[in-house]
Amino acid sequence: MVMRTRLWRAVALAAAATLALGACGSGGGGGSGDGKTFTVWWYEDAGNPQDTAWQDALTEFKAAHPDVEVKFERKVWQQIFDAGPMILNSNEVPDLLEYNKGNASAGALSSKGLLTDLTAEASKRGWDKTAGAALTVGSYDSRGLMGPGKVYGIPSYGEYLSFAYNKDMFAKYGVSVPTTMDELVAAFETFKSQGITPLAGSAGDYPAQHLLWGLAVAKADRNWLNGYFGLSAPLDTSANSPLTQAAQTIADWTAKGYIDKKSTGLKAEDAWDLFRSGKAPITYAGTWMAGDFKEKIKTFQWGQFLMPGSGISAGSGGNIWVVPTKAGNKDLAYEFIDLTMDSKRQNLMANSGGVAVAAEAAAITDPTGRMVNETFAKLVSSDGLGLYGDWPVPNFYQVIFSNTQTLVGGSQTPEQFMKQLKTPYDQVQSTVG
């Protein structure tokens, strides 16, 4: 698998002048480890593919260490996002936890001395080879910028976004799986003509933002992406910009009734319920929902197709295992990472509908697991992962989210939307451009 080295270097340069990451951690090692306790946190939902694989690893870990008290805590993504730096700079750190990838998350902690450098351990234990291209999301330089650098986190899974669709509804209304944007719009029109809102969305949560970025990268090429993530110029707000075109498409689809304006008040789970219940034939979702759809959809057959266009899709390696600098029992943490990266757990994750970084193709018997793992492998090999649009600028996630919600609500034009994004983007760009 070939990673986009130039693009990742561009990402690494993106926030150079804004991350101002002064050292606040001890940097000198963790608490006293007695080898008698092991504390691990993750925020995967109970029963999802990652949780299924990691719980299996936890069972084996306990059997191998009967004298060790294992303390597992299930956290919430937002909880770690908000409080992670404070927690990891305290004396109450776990030995291992799942942490958010990115410059402003794991990167910031690594530069503050709060995360253990896993470079040597990754090489010795083969995690670098197992993770392959996905390891980039766990690699940061001395400034905490993603790209070539030391390894501070280990991803055991990958992710991408695509359209999930109701095969039964497509067959009922004579709709073929779209391979072009025109065909996708024609499919929307067919369903709309039957009084069906075709696309289950949520502008009150992250799905609308993901749809925006999926539409943008479908219009983009690598040169544009390199410039966008590298802040090589002020944000292009012209009509031909991939982001402007994406915003215009969102506005058009809402005006035509393909997206419900009421989705401004919906959360992600609301959108998934519309799809799972058969009320909407299409939704735009990440592979983290594949296991959920596999388990909960019982009344129809479903599948997926990528956003038509450039061949680039939103996606990357998954979130990462990190070992706090102050962790008391790091060797136990390394053993647990080993278990999550071995073929048994990787194959289990894939057969539970997840995207594993190193599942054995011949061992994937589950149709959903085969679908998402084959697609992820093709995206990686074709240079088709487009990362996420909020990564270039710190706090850009909230800026894009709130303005996408307003765009779908109809109280903001695409031009106004782009102006709102341009201000924070250009403030950062002016310091590095």
Protein backbone atom coordinates (compact mmCIF):
# COMPACT_ATOMS: atom_id res chain seq x y z
CA MET A 1 0.00 0.00 0.00
CA VAL A 2 1.33 3.40 -0.96
CA MET A 3 0.79 6.39 1.31
CA ARG A 4 0.44 9.91 0.01
CA THR A 5 3.75 11.21 1.40
CA ARG A 6 3.48 14.66 -0.12
CA LEU A 7 -0.07 15.12 1.10
CA TRP A 8 0.79 14.03 4.61
CA ARG A 9 3.74 16.42 4.65
CA ALA A 10 1.35 19.15 3.58
CA VAL A 11 -0.93 18.27 6.48
CA ALA A 12 2.06 18.43 8.80
CA LEU A 13 2.90 21.94 7.65
CA ALA A 14 -0.69 23.12 7.85
CA ALA A 15 -0.89 24.24 11.47
CA ALA A 16 2.77 24.96 12.12
CA ALA A 17 2.26 28.52 13.28
CA THR A 18 -0.91 27.87 15.25
CA LEU A 19 -0.23 24.87 17.41
CA ALA A 20 2.21 26.66 19.75
CA LEU A 21 2.62 23.53 21.73
CA GLY A 22 4.64 24.34 24.79
CA ALA A 23 5.79 21.44 26.94
CA CYS A 24 3.55 20.94 29.95
CA GLY A 25 3.97 17.25 30.63
CA SER A 26 6.50 15.72 32.90
CA GLY A 27 8.23 14.00 30.00
CA GLY A 28 10.18 11.97 32.49
CA GLY A 29 8.24 8.75 32.80
CA GLY A 30 5.11 7.63 34.55
CA GLY A 31 4.01 6.33 37.84
CA SER A 32 5.47 3.38 39.64
CA GLY A 33 4.43 0.21 37.84
CA ASP A 34 3.97 -2.89 39.92
CA GLY A 35 2.75 -5.10 37.11
CA LYS A 36 -0.34 -5.91 39.17
CA THR A 37 -2.86 -3.63 37.51
CA PHE A 38 -3.69 -2.76 33.91
CA THR A 39 -6.05 0.08 33.06
CA VAL A 40 -7.35 0.52 29.51
CA TRP A 41 -9.89 2.97 28.09
CA TRP A 42 -11.64 3.11 24.76
CA TYR A 43 -14.71 4.87 23.39
CA GLU A 44 -15.95 2.41 20.80
CA ASP A 45 -19.64 1.58 21.16
CA ALA A 46 -20.39 -1.75 22.80
CA GLY A 47 -20.65 -4.48 20.19
CA ASN A 48 -19.17 -2.58 17.26
CA PRO A 49 -16.39 -4.32 15.29
CA GLN A 50 -13.53 -2.65 17.16
CA ASP A 51 -15.13 -3.30 20.53
CA THR A 52 -15.82 -6.92 19.58
CA ALA A 53 -12.17 -7.51 18.67
CA TRP A 54 -10.79 -5.63 21.66
CA GLN A 55 -13.07 -7.35 24.15
CA ASP A 56 -11.83 -10.66 22.76
CA ALA A 57 -8.27 -9.44 23.28
CA LEU A 58 -9.16 -8.39 26.82
CA THR A 59 -10.48 -11.87 27.59
CA GLU A 60 -7.25 -13.45 26.38
CA PHE A 61 -5.19 -10.87 28.25
CA LYS A 62 -6.97 -11.67 31.53
CA ALA A 63 -6.43 -15.39 31.03
CA ALA A 64 -2.73 -14.82 30.42
CA HIS A 65 -2.40 -12.57 33.49
CA PRO A 66 -4.54 -14.04 36.29
CA ASP A 67 -2.58 -12.05 38.89
CA VAL A 68 -3.25 -8.72 37.17
CA GLU A 69 -6.28 -6.62 38.06
CA VAL A 70 -7.68 -5.43 34.74
CA LYS A 71 -9.62 -2.16 34.82
CA PHE A 72 -11.52 -1.40 31.61
CA GLU A 73 -13.51 1.81 31.22
CA ARG A 74 -15.67 2.76 28.24
CA LYS A 75 -15.37 6.46 27.56
CA VAL A 76 -17.11 8.84 25.14
CA TRP A 77 -15.34 10.40 22.15
CA GLN A 78 -16.26 13.93 23.18
CA GLN A 79 -15.07 13.25 26.73
CA ILE A 80 -11.60 12.33 25.51
CA PHE A 81 -11.60 15.17 22.97
CA ASP A 82 -12.39 17.73 25.65
CA ALA A 83 -10.52 16.44 28.69
CA GLY A 84 -7.71 14.32 27.28
CA PRO A 85 -4.84 16.79 27.83
CA MET A 86 -5.90 17.45 31.43
CA ILE A 87 -6.32 13.74 32.18
CA LEU A 88 -3.01 12.72 30.69
CA ASN A 89 -1.15 15.47 32.52
CA SER A 90 -2.53 14.19 35.84
CA ASN A 91 -1.39 11.29 37.97
CA GLU A 92 -4.57 9.32 37.23
CA VAL A 93 -3.71 8.11 33.76
CA PRO A 94 -4.59 4.73 32.26
CA ASP A 95 -1.87 2.47 30.95
CA LEU A 96 -3.44 2.48 27.49
CA LEU A 97 -6.24 4.34 25.78
CA GLU A 98 -7.81 4.94 22.40
CA TYR A 99 -7.13 8.53 21.41
CA ASN A 100 -8.20 10.89 18.67
CA LYS A 101 -5.83 11.21 15.73
CA GLY A 102 -4.74 14.55 14.35
CA ASN A 103 -2.50 17.55 14.98
CA ALA A 104 -4.74 19.14 17.60
CA SER A 105 -5.33 15.85 19.44
CA ALA A 106 -2.63 13.17 19.60
CA GLY A 107 -0.13 15.50 17.95
CA ALA A 108 -0.58 18.17 20.60
CA LEU A 109 -0.14 15.62 23.40
CA SER A 110 2.98 14.14 21.84
CA SER A 111 4.65 17.54 21.59
CA LYS A 112 3.82 18.24 25.23
CA GLY A 113 5.59 15.10 26.37
CA LEU A 114 2.37 13.39 27.45
CA LEU A 115 2.64 10.36 25.13
CA THR A 116 5.22 7.60 25.06
CA ASP A 117 7.39 7.40 21.95
CA LEU A 118 6.46 4.01 20.49
CA THR A 119 8.84 4.09 17.52
CA ALA A 120 11.22 1.42 18.78
CA GLU A 121 8.43 -0.73 20.18
CA ALA A 122 6.50 -0.51 16.91
CA SER A 123 9.54 -1.71 14.99
CA LYS A 124 10.41 -4.47 17.45
CA ARG A 125 6.87 -5.82 17.66
CA GLY A 126 6.04 -5.34 13.98
CA TRP A 127 3.20 -2.88 14.49
CA ASP A 128 4.65 -0.66 11.79
CA LYS A 129 4.38 -3.45 9.24
CA THR A 130 0.96 -4.56 10.44
CA ALA A 131 -0.52 -1.06 10.32
CA GLY A 132 1.20 -0.24 7.05
CA ALA A 133 0.03 3.03 5.49
CA ALA A 134 -2.46 3.62 8.29
CA LEU A 135 0.43 4.22 10.73
CA THR A 136 0.74 7.77 9.44
CA VAL A 137 -2.17 8.88 11.65
CA GLY A 138 -0.05 7.89 14.65
CA SER A 139 3.18 9.56 13.51
CA TYR A 140 4.08 13.12 14.54
CA ASP A 141 7.12 15.36 14.39
CA SER A 142 8.56 17.38 17.27
CA ARG A 143 5.92 20.09 16.75
CA GLY A 144 3.11 17.58 17.00
CA LEU A 145 2.33 17.66 13.29
CA MET A 146 1.16 14.55 11.51
CA GLY A 147 3.46 13.06 8.93
CA PRO A 148 7.00 11.74 8.95
CA GLY A 149 8.17 11.61 12.55
CA LYS A 150 8.15 9.43 15.63
CA VAL A 151 5.37 6.95 16.31
CA TYR A 152 3.11 7.91 19.20
CA GLY A 153 -0.01 5.96 18.30
CA ILE A 154 -0.95 2.64 16.74
CA PRO A 155 -4.10 2.34 14.59
CA SER A 156 -5.66 -1.11 14.42
CA TYR A 157 -8.40 -0.15 11.98
CA GLY A 158 -9.17 2.12 9.04
CA GLU A 159 -12.21 4.07 7.86
CA TYR A 160 -13.81 5.73 4.86
CA LEU A 161 -17.18 7.22 3.92
CA SER A 162 -19.61 6.02 1.30
CA PHE A 163 -23.30 5.93 0.46
CA ALA A 164 -25.19 3.06 2.07
CA TYR A 165 -28.26 2.13 0.03
CA ASN A 166 -31.38 0.02 0.35
CA LYS A 167 -31.12 -2.63 -2.36
CA ASP A 168 -34.79 -3.54 -2.07
CA MET A 169 -35.97 0.04 -2.61
CA PHE A 170 -33.58 0.46 -5.52
CA ALA A 171 -35.01 -2.67 -7.14
CA LYS A 172 -38.63 -1.65 -6.43
CA TYR A 173 -38.23 1.70 -8.19
CA GLY A 174 -35.90 0.52 -10.94
CA VAL A 175 -32.87 2.47 -9.73
CA SER A 176 -29.37 1.27 -10.64
CA VAL A 177 -26.35 1.87 -8.45
CA PRO A 178 -24.99 5.28 -9.54
CA THR A 179 -21.51 5.49 -11.01
CA THR A 180 -21.66 9.19 -11.96
CA MET A 181 -23.01 12.27 -10.23
CA ASP A 182 -25.69 12.63 -12.91
CA GLU A 183 -26.86 9.09 -12.19
CA LEU A 184 -26.90 9.83 -8.45
CA VAL A 185 -29.10 12.90 -9.00
CA ALA A 186 -31.35 10.86 -11.30
CA ALA A 187 -31.75 8.30 -8.50
CA PHE A 188 -32.67 11.08 -6.09
CA GLU A 189 -35.25 12.36 -8.58
CA THR A 190 -36.83 8.93 -8.93
CA PHE A 191 -37.34 8.57 -5.21
CA LYS A 192 -38.47 12.17 -4.79
CA SER A 193 -41.12 11.64 -7.49
CA GLN A 194 -42.53 8.86 -5.30
CA GLY A 195 -42.80 11.17 -2.30
CA ILE A 196 -39.66 9.77 -0.68
CA THR A 197 -36.89 12.00 0.68
CA PRO A 198 -33.95 10.05 -0.75
CA LEU A 199 -31.05 11.00 1.51
CA ALA A 200 -31.19 10.47 5.28
CA GLY A 201 -29.03 13.23 6.71
CA SER A 202 -28.15 14.98 9.94
CA ALA A 203 -27.06 18.60 9.90
CA GLY A 204 -27.34 18.77 13.67
CA ASP A 205 -24.34 16.46 13.95
CA TYR A 206 -21.27 15.37 11.99
CA PRO A 207 -22.90 13.55 8.99
CA ALA A 208 -23.67 16.75 7.03
CA GLN A 209 -20.09 17.93 7.45
CA HIS A 210 -18.85 14.58 6.16
CA LEU A 211 -21.20 14.82 3.18
CA LEU A 212 -19.83 18.28 2.40
CA TRP A 213 -16.26 17.01 2.42
CA GLY A 214 -17.18 13.92 0.42
CA LEU A 215 -18.66 16.15 -2.26
CA ALA A 216 -15.57 18.37 -2.18
CA VAL A 217 -13.01 15.59 -2.64
CA ALA A 218 -15.16 14.13 -5.41
CA LYS A 219 -14.40 17.36 -7.32
CA ALA A 220 -10.77 17.62 -6.19
CA ASP A 221 -7.41 16.40 -7.38
CA ARG A 222 -4.19 15.87 -5.46
CA ASN A 223 -2.85 19.32 -6.29
CA TRP A 224 -5.90 20.96 -4.74
CA LEU A 225 -5.75 18.71 -1.68
CA ASN A 226 -2.04 19.39 -1.18
CA GLY A 227 -2.70 23.11 -1.33
CA TYR A 228 -5.71 22.92 0.95
CA PHE A 229 -4.01 20.93 3.68
CA GLY A 230 -0.73 22.74 3.21
CA LEU A 231 -2.30 26.21 3.40
CA SER A 232 -0.27 27.16 0.35
CA ALA A 233 -2.67 30.01 -0.49
CA PRO A 234 -5.73 31.76 0.96
CA LEU A 235 -8.86 29.65 0.75
CA ASP A 236 -10.24 29.64 -2.78
CA THR A 237 -13.86 30.73 -2.62
CA SER A 238 -14.39 30.97 -6.38
CA ALA A 239 -17.28 29.13 -8.00
CA ASN A 240 -14.87 26.48 -9.32
CA SER A 241 -13.38 25.62 -5.95
CA PRO A 242 -14.23 22.04 -4.89
CA LEU A 243 -15.46 23.34 -1.55
CA THR A 244 -17.66 25.99 -3.15
CA GLN A 245 -19.09 23.40 -5.50
CA ALA A 246 -19.76 21.12 -2.54
CA ALA A 247 -21.56 23.90 -0.65
CA GLN A 248 -23.60 24.69 -3.75
CA THR A 249 -24.52 21.03 -4.14
CA ILE A 250 -25.67 20.83 -0.52
CA ALA A 251 -27.83 23.92 -1.05
CA ASP A 252 -29.23 22.56 -4.34
CA TRP A 253 -30.01 19.13 -2.91
CA THR A 254 -31.80 20.71 0.03
CA ALA A 255 -33.80 23.07 -2.19
CA LYS A 256 -34.88 20.15 -4.38
CA GLY A 257 -35.94 18.08 -1.40
CA TYR A 258 -33.23 15.44 -1.66
CA ILE A 259 -32.15 16.49 1.84
CA ASP A 260 -34.78 17.46 4.40
CA LYS A 261 -34.33 20.95 5.85
CA LYS A 262 -35.55 19.52 9.14
CA SER A 263 -32.33 17.53 9.31
CA THR A 264 -30.77 20.63 10.91
CA GLY A 265 -32.33 19.36 14.12
CA LEU A 266 -31.36 15.72 13.70
CA LYS A 267 -28.45 13.90 15.28
CA ALA A 268 -26.47 11.17 13.56
CA GLU A 269 -28.48 8.40 15.16
CA ASP A 270 -31.67 9.97 13.78
CA ALA A 271 -30.29 9.72 10.25
CA TRP A 272 -29.21 6.12 10.77
CA ASP A 273 -32.69 5.28 12.10
CA LEU A 274 -34.30 6.70 8.96
CA PHE A 275 -32.12 4.42 6.85
CA ARG A 276 -32.36 1.34 9.08
CA SER A 277 -36.15 1.61 9.20
CA GLY A 278 -36.44 1.71 5.39
CA LYS A 279 -37.87 5.24 5.37
CA ALA A 280 -34.91 6.61 3.38
CA PRO A 281 -33.19 4.64 0.62
CA ILE A 282 -29.74 6.26 0.96
CA THR A 283 -27.50 7.69 3.65
CA TYR A 284 -23.87 8.85 3.67
CA ALA A 285 -22.04 7.07 6.45
CA GLY A 286 -18.61 6.02 7.64
CA THR A 287 -17.50 2.43 7.85
CA TRP A 288 -17.90 2.67 11.61
CA MET A 289 -21.63 2.17 10.88
CA ALA A 290 -21.16 -0.97 8.77
CA GLY A 291 -21.24 -3.31 11.75
CA ASP A 292 -24.31 -1.56 13.10
CA PHE A 293 -26.16 -1.84 9.80
CA LYS A 294 -25.08 -5.48 9.50
CA GLU A 295 -26.56 -6.32 12.89
CA LYS A 296 -29.66 -4.13 13.00
CA ILE A 297 -31.04 -4.13 9.45
CA LYS A 298 -33.25 -7.18 9.19
CA THR A 299 -36.01 -6.18 6.78
CA PHE A 300 -34.05 -5.41 3.61
CA GLN A 301 -30.75 -5.97 1.86
CA TRP A 302 -28.28 -3.10 1.83
CA GLY A 303 -24.99 -2.27 0.15
CA GLN A 304 -22.68 0.66 -0.45
CA PHE A 305 -21.19 2.73 -3.25
CA LEU A 306 -18.54 5.42 -3.19
CA MET A 307 -19.19 9.07 -3.97
CA PRO A 308 -18.99 9.36 -7.78
CA GLY A 309 -16.35 11.68 -9.18
CA SER A 310 -12.61 11.91 -8.79
CA GLY A 311 -12.10 8.52 -7.17
CA ILE A 312 -11.09 10.16 -3.89
CA SER A 313 -13.20 9.55 -0.80
CA ALA A 314 -13.18 10.96 2.71
CA GLY A 315 -11.28 8.60 4.99
CA SER A 316 -8.01 7.69 6.67
CA GLY A 317 -6.50 5.34 9.22
CA GLY A 318 -8.59 5.03 12.36
CA ASN A 319 -8.06 6.46 15.83
CA ILE A 320 -5.08 5.19 17.73
CA TRP A 321 -3.79 3.35 20.77
CA VAL A 322 -1.57 5.63 22.84
CA VAL A 323 0.46 4.94 25.99
CA PRO A 324 0.62 7.92 28.35
CA THR A 325 4.08 9.01 29.44
CA LYS A 326 2.93 8.67 33.04
CA ALA A 327 1.50 5.17 32.55
CA GLY A 328 2.68 2.81 35.26
CA ASN A 329 2.58 -0.50 33.40
CA LYS A 330 3.67 0.15 29.85
CA ASP A 331 4.80 -3.41 29.15
CA LEU A 332 1.26 -4.62 29.80
CA ALA A 333 -0.02 -1.95 27.44
CA TYR A 334 2.33 -3.19 24.73
CA GLU A 335 1.11 -6.75 25.24
CA PHE A 336 -2.48 -5.65 24.81
CA ILE A 337 -1.69 -3.72 21.63
CA ASP A 338 -0.04 -6.90 20.35
CA LEU A 339 -3.29 -8.79 20.87
CA THR A 340 -5.36 -6.20 18.99
CA MET A 341 -2.94 -6.28 16.07
CA ASP A 342 -2.63 -10.06 15.71
CA SER A 343 -4.38 -11.99 12.95
CA LYS A 344 -7.06 -13.41 15.26
CA ARG A 345 -8.32 -9.99 16.31
CA GLN A 346 -7.83 -8.40 12.91
CA ASN A 347 -9.82 -11.17 11.26
CA LEU A 348 -12.48 -10.98 13.98
CA MET A 349 -12.82 -7.24 13.43
CA ALA A 350 -13.22 -7.73 9.68
CA ASN A 351 -15.75 -10.52 10.13
CA SER A 352 -17.72 -8.27 12.46
CA GLY A 353 -18.06 -5.73 9.64
CA GLY A 354 -15.12 -3.47 10.53
CA VAL A 355 -12.17 -2.24 8.49
CA ALA A 356 -9.09 -3.96 9.89
CA VAL A 357 -5.63 -2.77 8.90
CA ALA A 358 -4.23 -6.28 8.45
CA ALA A 359 -7.00 -8.86 8.14
CA GLU A 360 -6.23 -11.91 6.01
CA ALA A 361 -8.36 -11.65 2.88
CA ALA A 362 -8.97 -15.40 2.74
CA ALA A 363 -10.16 -15.37 6.35
CA ILE A 364 -12.89 -12.77 5.78
CA THR A 365 -16.06 -14.79 5.31
CA ASP A 366 -18.56 -12.14 6.39
CA PRO A 367 -20.02 -10.33 3.34
CA THR A 368 -20.06 -6.92 5.04
CA GLY A 369 -16.51 -7.34 6.28
CA ARG A 370 -15.34 -8.42 2.84
CA MET A 371 -17.08 -5.44 1.23
CA VAL A 372 -15.56 -2.76 3.46
CA ASN A 373 -12.09 -4.28 3.68
CA GLU A 374 -11.79 -4.77 -0.07
CA THR A 375 -12.98 -1.21 -0.69
CA PHE A 376 -10.55 0.24 1.86
CA ALA A 377 -7.65 -1.68 0.32
CA LYS A 378 -8.56 -0.34 -3.13
CA LEU A 379 -8.78 3.24 -1.85
CA VAL A 380 -5.37 2.99 -0.23
CA SER A 381 -3.73 1.36 -3.25
CA SER A 382 -5.25 3.93 -5.64
CA ASP A 383 -4.31 6.94 -3.49
CA GLY A 384 -8.00 7.45 -2.88
CA LEU A 385 -8.22 8.49 0.77
CA GLY A 386 -8.95 12.22 1.08
CA LEU A 387 -8.59 12.70 4.86
CA TYR A 388 -11.05 15.12 6.51
CA GLY A 389 -11.79 18.75 5.73
CA ASP A 390 -11.44 20.11 9.25
CA TRP A 391 -7.80 19.02 9.69
CA PRO A 392 -5.85 22.03 8.30
CA VAL A 393 -6.91 24.60 10.90
CA PRO A 394 -7.32 24.19 14.67
CA ASN A 395 -10.98 24.36 15.74
CA PHE A 396 -12.07 24.17 12.11
CA TYR A 397 -14.37 21.24 12.95
CA GLN A 398 -16.82 23.46 14.82
CA VAL A 399 -16.63 26.20 12.18
CA ILE A 400 -17.52 23.81 9.37
CA PHE A 401 -20.14 22.00 11.44
CA SER A 402 -22.09 25.08 12.50
CA ASN A 403 -22.02 26.65 9.06
CA THR A 404 -23.03 23.43 7.31
CA GLN A 405 -26.02 23.28 9.63
CA THR A 406 -26.92 26.84 8.66
CA LEU A 407 -26.41 26.07 4.96
CA VAL A 408 -28.81 23.12 5.10
CA GLY A 409 -31.29 25.25 7.03
CA GLY A 410 -31.39 27.67 4.11
CA SER A 411 -30.45 30.80 6.05
CA GLN A 412 -27.02 30.99 4.46
CA THR A 413 -25.97 30.98 0.81
CA PRO A 414 -22.99 28.98 -0.45
CA GLU A 415 -21.13 32.27 -0.88
CA GLN A 416 -21.80 33.25 2.73
CA PHE A 417 -20.82 29.75 3.82
CA MET A 418 -17.45 30.01 2.10
CA LYS A 419 -16.85 33.45 3.60
CA GLN A 420 -17.34 32.00 7.08
CA LEU A 421 -14.76 29.29 6.36
CA LYS A 422 -12.34 31.66 4.68
CA THR A 423 -11.81 33.92 7.70
CA PRO A 424 -10.31 31.33 10.11
CA TYR A 425 -8.55 29.48 7.29
CA ASP A 426 -6.85 32.61 5.97
CA GLN A 427 -5.85 33.75 9.46
CA VAL A 428 -3.79 30.58 9.79
CA GLN A 429 -2.64 30.57 6.18
CA SER A 430 -1.22 34.06 6.47
CA THR A 431 1.19 32.88 9.15
CA VAL A 432 2.60 29.99 7.12
CA GLY A 433 2.02 30.95 3.49
